[in-house]
Amino acid sequence: MCVVGEQLADIEVNHAFASDLMSDVLAMSRPDTLLITGLTTPQIIRTAQMLDLPAILVVRGKDVPQDVANLARTTGIVVLATHDIMYVASGKLYARGLSG
């Protein structure tokens, strides 16, 4: 489900990184990466913005607060959501060719 991201057709991701620790994301990610997380705080948007990550996938069926959605909109970051747990979401993306 797309939470924020009218510009979905304009983004390209070649890798994914799954973590709830933004310090790990800062240390390990690259610009063409989809961030997979269960966090729904403004820090996920700020982290994605600092690393030029085009999109975030929020797992475990969590609702994205309006302030976080608004921040994503203003920064141009796509936010998606799924009810899958992080492990399942990562596996599905890997099976479709998205590398870690």
PDB file of N, CA and C in Angstrom:
ATOM      1  N   MET A   1       0.836  -1.165   0.000  1.00  0.00           N
ATOM      2  CA  MET A   1       0.000   0.000   0.000  1.00  0.00           C
ATOM      3  C   MET A   1       0.891   1.243   0.000  1.00  0.00           C
ATOM      4  N   CYS A   2       0.557   2.193  -0.821  1.00  0.00           N
ATOM      5  CA  CYS A   2       1.307   3.438  -0.906  1.00  0.00           C
ATOM      6  C   CYS A   2       0.729   4.446   0.095  1.00  0.00           C
ATOM      7  N   VAL A   3       1.561   4.942   0.984  1.00  0.00           N
ATOM      8  CA  VAL A   3       1.144   5.930   1.966  1.00  0.00           C
ATOM      9  C   VAL A   3       1.408   7.332   1.425  1.00  0.00           C
ATOM     10  N   VAL A   4       2.613   7.528   0.917  1.00  0.00           N
ATOM     11  CA  VAL A   4       3.029   8.794   0.303  1.00  0.00           C
ATOM     12  C   VAL A   4       3.822   8.443  -0.931  1.00  0.00           C
ATOM     13  N   GLY A   5       3.535   9.069  -2.060  1.00  0.00           N
ATOM     14  CA  GLY A   5       4.370   8.779  -3.200  1.00  0.00           C
ATOM     15  C   GLY A   5       3.697   8.854  -4.536  1.00  0.00           C
ATOM     16  N   GLU A   6       3.166   9.989  -4.849  1.00  0.00           N
ATOM     17  CA  GLU A   6       2.566  10.171  -6.160  1.00  0.00           C
ATOM     18  C   GLU A   6       3.612   9.999  -7.265  1.00  0.00           C
ATOM     19  N   GLN A   7       4.894  10.152  -6.921  1.00  0.00           N
ATOM     20  CA  GLN A   7       5.979  10.071  -7.894  1.00  0.00           C
ATOM     21  C   GLN A   7       6.575   8.661  -7.963  1.00  0.00           C
ATOM     22  N   LEU A   8       5.799   7.646  -7.628  1.00  0.00           N
ATOM     23  CA  LEU A   8       6.302   6.267  -7.610  1.00  0.00           C
ATOM     24  C   LEU A   8       6.971   5.845  -8.909  1.00  0.00           C
ATOM     25  N   ALA A   9       6.461   6.276 -10.032  1.00  0.00           N
ATOM     26  CA  ALA A   9       7.022   5.856 -11.314  1.00  0.00           C
ATOM     27  C   ALA A   9       8.411   6.437 -11.551  1.00  0.00           C
ATOM     28  N   ASP A  10       8.780   7.462 -10.806  1.00  0.00           N
ATOM     29  CA  ASP A  10      10.041   8.146 -11.023  1.00  0.00           C
ATOM     30  C   ASP A  10      11.191   7.603 -10.185  1.00  0.00           C
ATOM     31  N   ILE A  11      10.946   6.659  -9.292  1.00  0.00           N
ATOM     32  CA  ILE A  11      12.024   6.185  -8.434  1.00  0.00           C
ATOM     33  C   ILE A  11      12.561   4.842  -8.922  1.00  0.00           C
ATOM     34  N   GLU A  12      13.806   4.605  -8.564  1.00  0.00           N
ATOM     35  CA  GLU A  12      14.429   3.324  -8.882  1.00  0.00           C
ATOM     36  C   GLU A  12      15.218   2.861  -7.672  1.00  0.00           C
ATOM     37  N   VAL A  13      14.957   1.641  -7.248  1.00  0.00           N
ATOM     38  CA  VAL A  13      15.724   1.038  -6.169  1.00  0.00           C
ATOM     39  C   VAL A  13      16.334  -0.258  -6.696  1.00  0.00           C
ATOM     40  N   ASN A  14      17.572  -0.492  -6.332  1.00  0.00           N
ATOM     41  CA  ASN A  14      18.263  -1.709  -6.750  1.00  0.00           C
ATOM     42  C   ASN A  14      18.644  -2.588  -5.573  1.00  0.00           C
ATOM     43  N   HIS A  15      18.481  -2.043  -4.374  1.00  0.00           N
ATOM     44  CA  HIS A  15      18.869  -2.761  -3.159  1.00  0.00           C
ATOM     45  C   HIS A  15      17.854  -2.473  -2.068  1.00  0.00           C
ATOM     46  N   ALA A  16      17.885  -3.284  -1.026  1.00  0.00           N
ATOM     47  CA  ALA A  16      17.041  -3.058   0.138  1.00  0.00           C
ATOM     48  C   ALA A  16      17.879  -3.254   1.390  1.00  0.00           C
ATOM     49  N   PHE A  17      17.507  -2.541   2.432  1.00  0.00           N
ATOM     50  CA  PHE A  17      18.172  -2.679   3.725  1.00  0.00           C
ATOM     51  C   PHE A  17      17.096  -2.665   4.790  1.00  0.00           C
ATOM     52  N   ALA A  18      17.055  -3.700   5.616  1.00  0.00           N
ATOM     53  CA  ALA A  18      16.018  -3.834   6.637  1.00  0.00           C
ATOM     54  C   ALA A  18      16.615  -3.638   8.023  1.00  0.00           C
ATOM     55  N   SER A  19      16.084  -2.651   8.744  1.00  0.00           N
ATOM     56  CA  SER A  19      16.571  -2.393  10.093  1.00  0.00           C
ATOM     57  C   SER A  19      15.648  -1.434  10.815  1.00  0.00           C
ATOM     58  N   ASP A  20      15.596  -1.580  12.131  1.00  0.00           N
ATOM     59  CA  ASP A  20      14.921  -0.609  12.972  1.00  0.00           C
ATOM     60  C   ASP A  20      15.943   0.287  13.669  1.00  0.00           C
ATOM     61  N   LEU A  21      17.213   0.062  13.407  1.00  0.00           N
ATOM     62  CA  LEU A  21      18.281   0.888  13.972  1.00  0.00           C
ATOM     63  C   LEU A  21      18.785   1.838  12.894  1.00  0.00           C
ATOM     64  N   MET A  22      18.438   3.100  13.029  1.00  0.00           N
ATOM     65  CA  MET A  22      18.826   4.071  12.004  1.00  0.00           C
ATOM     66  C   MET A  22      20.340   4.253  11.958  1.00  0.00           C
ATOM     67  N   SER A  23      21.054   3.964  13.046  1.00  0.00           N
ATOM     68  CA  SER A  23      22.513   4.039  13.024  1.00  0.00           C
ATOM     69  C   SER A  23      23.084   2.983  12.080  1.00  0.00           C
ATOM     70  N   ASP A  24      22.478   1.805  12.038  1.00  0.00           N
ATOM     71  CA  ASP A  24      22.905   0.777  11.090  1.00  0.00           C
ATOM     72  C   ASP A  24      22.621   1.208   9.662  1.00  0.00           C
ATOM     73  N   VAL A  25      21.486   1.820   9.443  1.00  0.00           N
ATOM     74  CA  VAL A  25      21.133   2.300   8.104  1.00  0.00           C
ATOM     75  C   VAL A  25      22.145   3.340   7.653  1.00  0.00           C
ATOM     76  N   LEU A  26      22.496   4.262   8.546  1.00  0.00           N
ATOM     77  CA  LEU A  26      23.475   5.298   8.215  1.00  0.00           C
ATOM     78  C   LEU A  26      24.828   4.698   7.849  1.00  0.00           C
ATOM     79  N   ALA A  27      25.193   3.618   8.506  1.00  0.00           N
ATOM     80  CA  ALA A  27      26.499   3.001   8.276  1.00  0.00           C
ATOM     81  C   ALA A  27      26.535   2.089   7.054  1.00  0.00           C
ATOM     82  N   MET A  28      25.389   1.556   6.628  1.00  0.00           N
ATOM     83  CA  MET A  28      25.419   0.487   5.646  1.00  0.00           C
ATOM     84  C   MET A  28      24.688   0.746   4.331  1.00  0.00           C
ATOM     85  N   SER A  29      23.939   1.818   4.214  1.00  0.00           N
ATOM     86  CA  SER A  29      23.099   2.002   3.037  1.00  0.00           C
ATOM     87  C   SER A  29      23.776   2.790   1.928  1.00  0.00           C
ATOM     88  N   ARG A  30      23.202   2.670   0.722  1.00  0.00           N
ATOM     89  CA  ARG A  30      23.629   3.443  -0.430  1.00  0.00           C
ATOM     90  C   ARG A  30      22.406   4.107  -1.052  1.00  0.00           C
ATOM     91  N   PRO A  31      22.604   5.095  -1.913  1.00  0.00           N
ATOM     92  CA  PRO A  31      21.493   5.912  -2.401  1.00  0.00           C
ATOM     93  C   PRO A  31      20.357   5.180  -3.125  1.00  0.00           C
ATOM     94  N   ASP A  32      20.604   4.084  -3.790  1.00  0.00           N
ATOM     95  CA  ASP A  32      19.537   3.408  -4.547  1.00  0.00           C
ATOM     96  C   ASP A  32      18.885   2.284  -3.745  1.00  0.00           C
ATOM     97  N   THR A  33      18.736   2.525  -2.433  1.00  0.00           N
ATOM     98  CA  THR A  33      18.266   1.497  -1.507  1.00  0.00           C
ATOM     99  C   THR A  33      16.871   1.794  -0.972  1.00  0.00           C
ATOM    100  N   LEU A  34      16.058   0.762  -0.871  1.00  0.00           N
ATOM    101  CA  LEU A  34      14.763   0.815  -0.204  1.00  0.00           C
ATOM    102  C   LEU A  34      15.001   0.504   1.265  1.00  0.00           C
ATOM    103  N   LEU A  35      14.593   1.391   2.147  1.00  0.00           N
ATOM    104  CA  LEU A  35      14.692   1.156   3.583  1.00  0.00           C
ATOM    105  C   LEU A  35      13.453   0.415   4.049  1.00  0.00           C
ATOM    106  N   ILE A  36      13.650  -0.731   4.694  1.00  0.00           N
ATOM    107  CA  ILE A  36      12.557  -1.520   5.250  1.00  0.00           C
ATOM    108  C   ILE A  36      12.660  -1.408   6.768  1.00  0.00           C
ATOM    109  N   THR A  37      11.601  -0.904   7.407  1.00  0.00           N
ATOM    110  CA  THR A  37      11.659  -0.676   8.849  1.00  0.00           C
ATOM    111  C   THR A  37      10.277  -0.785   9.477  1.00  0.00           C
ATOM    112  N   GLY A  38      10.268  -0.995  10.765  1.00  0.00           N
ATOM    113  CA  GLY A  38       9.030  -0.988  11.524  1.00  0.00           C
ATOM    114  C   GLY A  38       8.827   0.320  12.268  1.00  0.00           C
ATOM    115  N   LEU A  39       9.779   1.227  12.146  1.00  0.00           N
ATOM    116  CA  LEU A  39       9.670   2.524  12.804  1.00  0.00           C
ATOM    117  C   LEU A  39       8.751   3.449  12.019  1.00  0.00           C
ATOM    118  N   THR A  40       8.078   4.334  12.729  1.00  0.00           N
ATOM    119  CA  THR A  40       7.199   5.301  12.072  1.00  0.00           C
ATOM    120  C   THR A  40       7.448   6.707  12.620  1.00  0.00           C
ATOM    121  N   THR A  41       8.663   7.002  12.968  1.00  0.00           N
ATOM    122  CA  THR A  41       9.024   8.304  13.521  1.00  0.00           C
ATOM    123  C   THR A  41       9.622   9.188  12.425  1.00  0.00           C
ATOM    124  N   PRO A  42       9.706  10.483  12.668  1.00  0.00           N
ATOM    125  CA  PRO A  42      10.327  11.370  11.679  1.00  0.00           C
ATOM    126  C   PRO A  42      11.778  10.994  11.360  1.00  0.00           C
ATOM    127  N   GLN A  43      12.435  10.281  12.253  1.00  0.00           N
ATOM    128  CA  GLN A  43      13.833   9.896  12.019  1.00  0.00           C
ATOM    129  C   GLN A  43      13.998   9.015  10.785  1.00  0.00           C
ATOM    130  N   ILE A  44      12.974   8.231  10.426  1.00  0.00           N
ATOM    131  CA  ILE A  44      13.115   7.411   9.222  1.00  0.00           C
ATOM    132  C   ILE A  44      13.189   8.292   7.979  1.00  0.00           C
ATOM    133  N   ILE A  45      12.432   9.372   7.979  1.00  0.00           N
ATOM    134  CA  ILE A  45      12.457  10.293   6.842  1.00  0.00           C
ATOM    135  C   ILE A  45      13.770  11.053   6.823  1.00  0.00           C
ATOM    136  N   ARG A  46      14.206  11.534   7.973  1.00  0.00           N
ATOM    137  CA  ARG A  46      15.473  12.281   8.049  1.00  0.00           C
ATOM    138  C   ARG A  46      16.655  11.401   7.642  1.00  0.00           C
ATOM    139  N   THR A  47      16.646  10.157   8.068  1.00  0.00           N
ATOM    140  CA  THR A  47      17.724   9.233   7.688  1.00  0.00           C
ATOM    141  C   THR A  47      17.707   9.002   6.184  1.00  0.00           C
ATOM    142  N   ALA A  48      16.541   8.745   5.629  1.00  0.00           N
ATOM    143  CA  ALA A  48      16.422   8.538   4.181  1.00  0.00           C
ATOM    144  C   ALA A  48      16.866   9.788   3.423  1.00  0.00           C
ATOM    145  N   GLN A  49      16.510  10.935   3.947  1.00  0.00           N
ATOM    146  CA  GLN A  49      16.883  12.191   3.304  1.00  0.00           C
ATOM    147  C   GLN A  49      18.407  12.371   3.307  1.00  0.00           C
ATOM    148  N   MET A  50      19.056  12.089   4.428  1.00  0.00           N
ATOM    149  CA  MET A  50      20.510  12.246   4.523  1.00  0.00           C
ATOM    150  C   MET A  50      21.244  11.320   3.563  1.00  0.00           C
ATOM    151  N   LEU A  51      20.681  10.139   3.314  1.00  0.00           N
ATOM    152  CA  LEU A  51      21.337   9.140   2.467  1.00  0.00           C
ATOM    153  C   LEU A  51      20.816   9.130   1.031  1.00  0.00           C
ATOM    154  N   ASP A  52      19.905  10.034   0.705  1.00  0.00           N
ATOM    155  CA  ASP A  52      19.276  10.066  -0.612  1.00  0.00           C
ATOM    156  C   ASP A  52      18.558   8.767  -0.947  1.00  0.00           C
ATOM    157  N   LEU A  53      17.934   8.158   0.052  1.00  0.00           N
ATOM    158  CA  LEU A  53      17.139   6.947  -0.188  1.00  0.00           C
ATOM    159  C   LEU A  53      15.797   7.376  -0.769  1.00  0.00           C
ATOM    160  N   PRO A  54      15.376   6.765  -1.861  1.00  0.00           N
ATOM    161  CA  PRO A  54      14.141   7.214  -2.511  1.00  0.00           C
ATOM    162  C   PRO A  54      12.854   6.717  -1.864  1.00  0.00           C
ATOM    163  N   ALA A  55      12.931   5.629  -1.078  1.00  0.00           N
ATOM    164  CA  ALA A  55      11.681   5.039  -0.576  1.00  0.00           C
ATOM    165  C   ALA A  55      11.892   4.284   0.729  1.00  0.00           C
ATOM    166  N   ILE A  56      10.798   4.206   1.485  1.00  0.00           N
ATOM    167  CA  ILE A  56      10.765   3.488   2.761  1.00  0.00           C
ATOM    168  C   ILE A  56       9.560   2.553   2.739  1.00  0.00           C
ATOM    169  N   LEU A  57       9.761   1.332   3.209  1.00  0.00           N
ATOM    170  CA  LEU A  57       8.665   0.374   3.374  1.00  0.00           C
ATOM    171  C   LEU A  57       8.475   0.144   4.867  1.00  0.00           C
ATOM    172  N   VAL A  58       7.311   0.514   5.388  1.00  0.00           N
ATOM    173  CA  VAL A  58       6.987   0.320   6.799  1.00  0.00           C
ATOM    174  C   VAL A  58       6.276  -1.023   6.933  1.00  0.00           C
ATOM    175  N   VAL A  59       6.799  -1.882   7.801  1.00  0.00           N
ATOM    176  CA  VAL A  59       6.286  -3.242   7.950  1.00  0.00           C
ATOM    177  C   VAL A  59       5.423  -3.385   9.203  1.00  0.00           C
ATOM    178  N   ARG A  60       4.893  -4.567   9.378  1.00  0.00           N
ATOM    179  CA  ARG A  60       4.105  -4.976  10.542  1.00  0.00           C
ATOM    180  C   ARG A  60       2.781  -4.235  10.673  1.00  0.00           C
ATOM    181  N   GLY A  61       2.268  -3.714   9.552  1.00  0.00           N
ATOM    182  CA  GLY A  61       0.956  -3.086   9.561  1.00  0.00           C
ATOM    183  C   GLY A  61       0.863  -1.799  10.352  1.00  0.00           C
ATOM    184  N   LYS A  62       1.990  -1.178  10.601  1.00  0.00           N
ATOM    185  CA  LYS A  62       1.977   0.060  11.390  1.00  0.00           C
ATOM    186  C   LYS A  62       1.429   1.221  10.575  1.00  0.00           C
ATOM    187  N   ASP A  63       0.688   2.085  11.243  1.00  0.00           N
ATOM    188  CA  ASP A  63       0.183   3.301  10.620  1.00  0.00           C
ATOM    189  C   ASP A  63       1.270   4.366  10.649  1.00  0.00           C
ATOM    190  N   VAL A  64       1.404   5.078   9.561  1.00  0.00           N
ATOM    191  CA  VAL A  64       2.366   6.175   9.480  1.00  0.00           C
ATOM    192  C   VAL A  64       1.647   7.445   9.940  1.00  0.00           C
ATOM    193  N   PRO A  65       2.152   8.074  11.008  1.00  0.00           N
ATOM    194  CA  PRO A  65       1.508   9.301  11.500  1.00  0.00           C
ATOM    195  C   PRO A  65       1.492  10.399  10.437  1.00  0.00           C
ATOM    196  N   GLN A  66       0.517  11.268  10.538  1.00  0.00           N
ATOM    197  CA  GLN A  66       0.352  12.330   9.544  1.00  0.00           C
ATOM    198  C   GLN A  66       1.576  13.236   9.455  1.00  0.00           C
ATOM    199  N   ASP A  67       2.217  13.536  10.587  1.00  0.00           N
ATOM    200  CA  ASP A  67       3.394  14.410  10.535  1.00  0.00           C
ATOM    201  C   ASP A  67       4.549  13.753   9.782  1.00  0.00           C
ATOM    202  N   VAL A  68       4.670  12.448   9.899  1.00  0.00           N
ATOM    203  CA  VAL A  68       5.716  11.720   9.175  1.00  0.00           C
ATOM    204  C   VAL A  68       5.372  11.671   7.687  1.00  0.00           C
ATOM    205  N   ALA A  69       4.111  11.430   7.367  1.00  0.00           N
ATOM    206  CA  ALA A  69       3.675  11.434   5.964  1.00  0.00           C
ATOM    207  C   ALA A  69       3.894  12.804   5.334  1.00  0.00           C
ATOM    208  N   ASN A  70       3.580  13.856   6.062  1.00  0.00           N
ATOM    209  CA  ASN A  70       3.787  15.213   5.543  1.00  0.00           C
ATOM    210  C   ASN A  70       5.271  15.502   5.303  1.00  0.00           C
ATOM    211  N   LEU A  71       6.112  15.058   6.229  1.00  0.00           N
ATOM    212  CA  LEU A  71       7.552  15.247   6.066  1.00  0.00           C
ATOM    213  C   LEU A  71       8.058  14.486   4.838  1.00  0.00           C
ATOM    214  N   ALA A  72       7.560  13.276   4.643  1.00  0.00           N
ATOM    215  CA  ALA A  72       7.938  12.498   3.461  1.00  0.00           C
ATOM    216  C   ALA A  72       7.528  13.221   2.186  1.00  0.00           C
ATOM    217  N   ARG A  73       6.326  13.773   2.184  1.00  0.00           N
ATOM    218  CA  ARG A  73       5.845  14.518   1.021  1.00  0.00           C
ATOM    219  C   ARG A  73       6.752  15.700   0.700  1.00  0.00           C
ATOM    220  N   THR A  74       7.120  16.456   1.712  1.00  0.00           N
ATOM    221  CA  THR A  74       7.938  17.648   1.475  1.00  0.00           C
ATOM    222  C   THR A  74       9.357  17.302   1.052  1.00  0.00           C
ATOM    223  N   THR A  75       9.839  16.129   1.417  1.00  0.00           N
ATOM    224  CA  THR A  75      11.196  15.727   1.041  1.00  0.00           C
ATOM    225  C   THR A  75      11.218  14.864  -0.221  1.00  0.00           C
ATOM    226  N   GLY A  76      10.036  14.472  -0.727  1.00  0.00           N
ATOM    227  CA  GLY A  76       9.975  13.673  -1.945  1.00  0.00           C
ATOM    228  C   GLY A  76      10.292  12.208  -1.751  1.00  0.00           C
ATOM    229  N   ILE A  77      10.176  11.729  -0.520  1.00  0.00           N
ATOM    230  CA  ILE A  77      10.468  10.322  -0.230  1.00  0.00           C
ATOM    231  C   ILE A  77       9.164   9.519  -0.264  1.00  0.00           C
ATOM    232  N   VAL A  78       9.183   8.434  -0.994  1.00  0.00           N
ATOM    233  CA  VAL A  78       8.026   7.546  -1.114  1.00  0.00           C
ATOM    234  C   VAL A  78       7.941   6.688   0.147  1.00  0.00           C
ATOM    235  N   VAL A  79       6.739   6.577   0.710  1.00  0.00           N
ATOM    236  CA  VAL A  79       6.522   5.712   1.868  1.00  0.00           C
ATOM    237  C   VAL A  79       5.454   4.686   1.501  1.00  0.00           C
ATOM    238  N   LEU A  80       5.827   3.428   1.650  1.00  0.00           N
ATOM    239  CA  LEU A  80       4.930   2.299   1.398  1.00  0.00           C
ATOM    240  C   LEU A  80       4.687   1.575   2.712  1.00  0.00           C
ATOM    241  N   ALA A  81       3.638   0.783   2.777  1.00  0.00           N
ATOM    242  CA  ALA A  81       3.347   0.035   3.997  1.00  0.00           C
ATOM    243  C   ALA A  81       2.850  -1.361   3.642  1.00  0.00           C
ATOM    244  N   THR A  82       3.141  -2.306   4.530  1.00  0.00           N
ATOM    245  CA  THR A  82       2.681  -3.677   4.369  1.00  0.00           C
ATOM    246  C   THR A  82       2.358  -4.262   5.739  1.00  0.00           C
ATOM    247  N   HIS A  83       1.484  -5.256   5.751  1.00  0.00           N
ATOM    248  CA  HIS A  83       1.189  -5.957   6.995  1.00  0.00           C
ATOM    249  C   HIS A  83       2.197  -7.073   7.261  1.00  0.00           C
ATOM    250  N   ASP A  84       3.039  -7.367   6.281  1.00  0.00           N
ATOM    251  CA  ASP A  84       4.056  -8.410   6.465  1.00  0.00           C
ATOM    252  C   ASP A  84       5.047  -8.012   7.545  1.00  0.00           C
ATOM    253  N   ILE A  85       5.592  -9.009   8.238  1.00  0.00           N
ATOM    254  CA  ILE A  85       6.699  -8.731   9.150  1.00  0.00           C
ATOM    255  C   ILE A  85       7.947  -8.461   8.311  1.00  0.00           C
ATOM    256  N   MET A  86       8.962  -7.901   8.922  1.00  0.00           N
ATOM    257  CA  MET A  86      10.158  -7.504   8.196  1.00  0.00           C
ATOM    258  C   MET A  86      10.799  -8.688   7.450  1.00  0.00           C
ATOM    259  N   TYR A  87      10.857  -9.837   8.090  1.00  0.00           N
ATOM    260  CA  TYR A  87      11.473 -11.017   7.481  1.00  0.00           C
ATOM    261  C   TYR A  87      10.745 -11.428   6.203  1.00  0.00           C
ATOM    262  N   VAL A  88       9.427 -11.472   6.256  1.00  0.00           N
ATOM    263  CA  VAL A  88       8.629 -11.880   5.101  1.00  0.00           C
ATOM    264  C   VAL A  88       8.735 -10.840   3.982  1.00  0.00           C
ATOM    265  N   ALA A  89       8.618  -9.566   4.335  1.00  0.00           N
ATOM    266  CA  ALA A  89       8.719  -8.504   3.327  1.00  0.00           C
ATOM    267  C   ALA A  89      10.080  -8.548   2.631  1.00  0.00           C
ATOM    268  N   SER A  90      11.130  -8.738   3.408  1.00  0.00           N
ATOM    269  CA  SER A  90      12.481  -8.818   2.839  1.00  0.00           C
ATOM    270  C   SER A  90      12.602 -10.019   1.912  1.00  0.00           C
ATOM    271  N   GLY A  91      12.059 -11.152   2.336  1.00  0.00           N
ATOM    272  CA  GLY A  91      12.117 -12.355   1.523  1.00  0.00           C
ATOM    273  C   GLY A  91      11.367 -12.204   0.204  1.00  0.00           C
ATOM    274  N   LYS A  92      10.211 -11.584   0.250  1.00  0.00           N
ATOM    275  CA  LYS A  92       9.431 -11.373  -0.961  1.00  0.00           C
ATOM    276  C   LYS A  92      10.196 -10.475  -1.947  1.00  0.00           C
ATOM    277  N   LEU A  93      10.799  -9.420  -1.438  1.00  0.00           N
ATOM    278  CA  LEU A  93      11.557  -8.507  -2.299  1.00  0.00           C
ATOM    279  C   LEU A  93      12.798  -9.195  -2.856  1.00  0.00           C
ATOM    280  N   TYR A  94      13.469  -9.984  -2.033  1.00  0.00           N
ATOM    281  CA  TYR A  94      14.656 -10.727  -2.487  1.00  0.00           C
ATOM    282  C   TYR A  94      14.275 -11.724  -3.586  1.00  0.00           C
ATOM    283  N   ALA A  95      13.160 -12.398  -3.382  1.00  0.00           N
ATOM    284  CA  ALA A  95      12.699 -13.384  -4.379  1.00  0.00           C
ATOM    285  C   ALA A  95      12.381 -12.735  -5.712  1.00  0.00           C
ATOM    286  N   ARG A  96      12.075 -11.450  -5.700  1.00  0.00           N
ATOM    287  CA  ARG A  96      11.776 -10.714  -6.926  1.00  0.00           C
ATOM    288  C   ARG A  96      12.991  -9.998  -7.478  1.00  0.00           C
ATOM    289  N   GLY A  97      14.171 -10.306  -6.921  1.00  0.00           N
ATOM    290  CA  GLY A  97      15.408  -9.798  -7.499  1.00  0.00           C
ATOM    291  C   GLY A  97      16.035  -8.592  -6.852  1.00  0.00           C
ATOM    292  N   LEU A  98      15.471  -8.100  -5.763  1.00  0.00           N
ATOM    293  CA  LEU A  98      16.067  -6.951  -5.076  1.00  0.00           C
ATOM    294  C   LEU A  98      17.153  -7.462  -4.144  1.00  0.00           C
ATOM    295  N   SER A  99      18.378  -7.015  -4.345  1.00  0.00           N
ATOM    296  CA  SER A  99      19.489  -7.525  -3.526  1.00  0.00           C
ATOM    297  C   SER A  99      19.648  -6.708  -2.259  1.00  0.00           C
ATOM    298  N   GLY A 100      20.405  -7.285  -1.329  1.00  0.00           N
ATOM    299  CA  GLY A 100      20.673  -6.616  -0.053  1.00  0.00           C
ATOM    300  C   GLY A 100      21.823  -5.658  -0.138  1.00  0.00           C
TER     301      GLY A 100
END
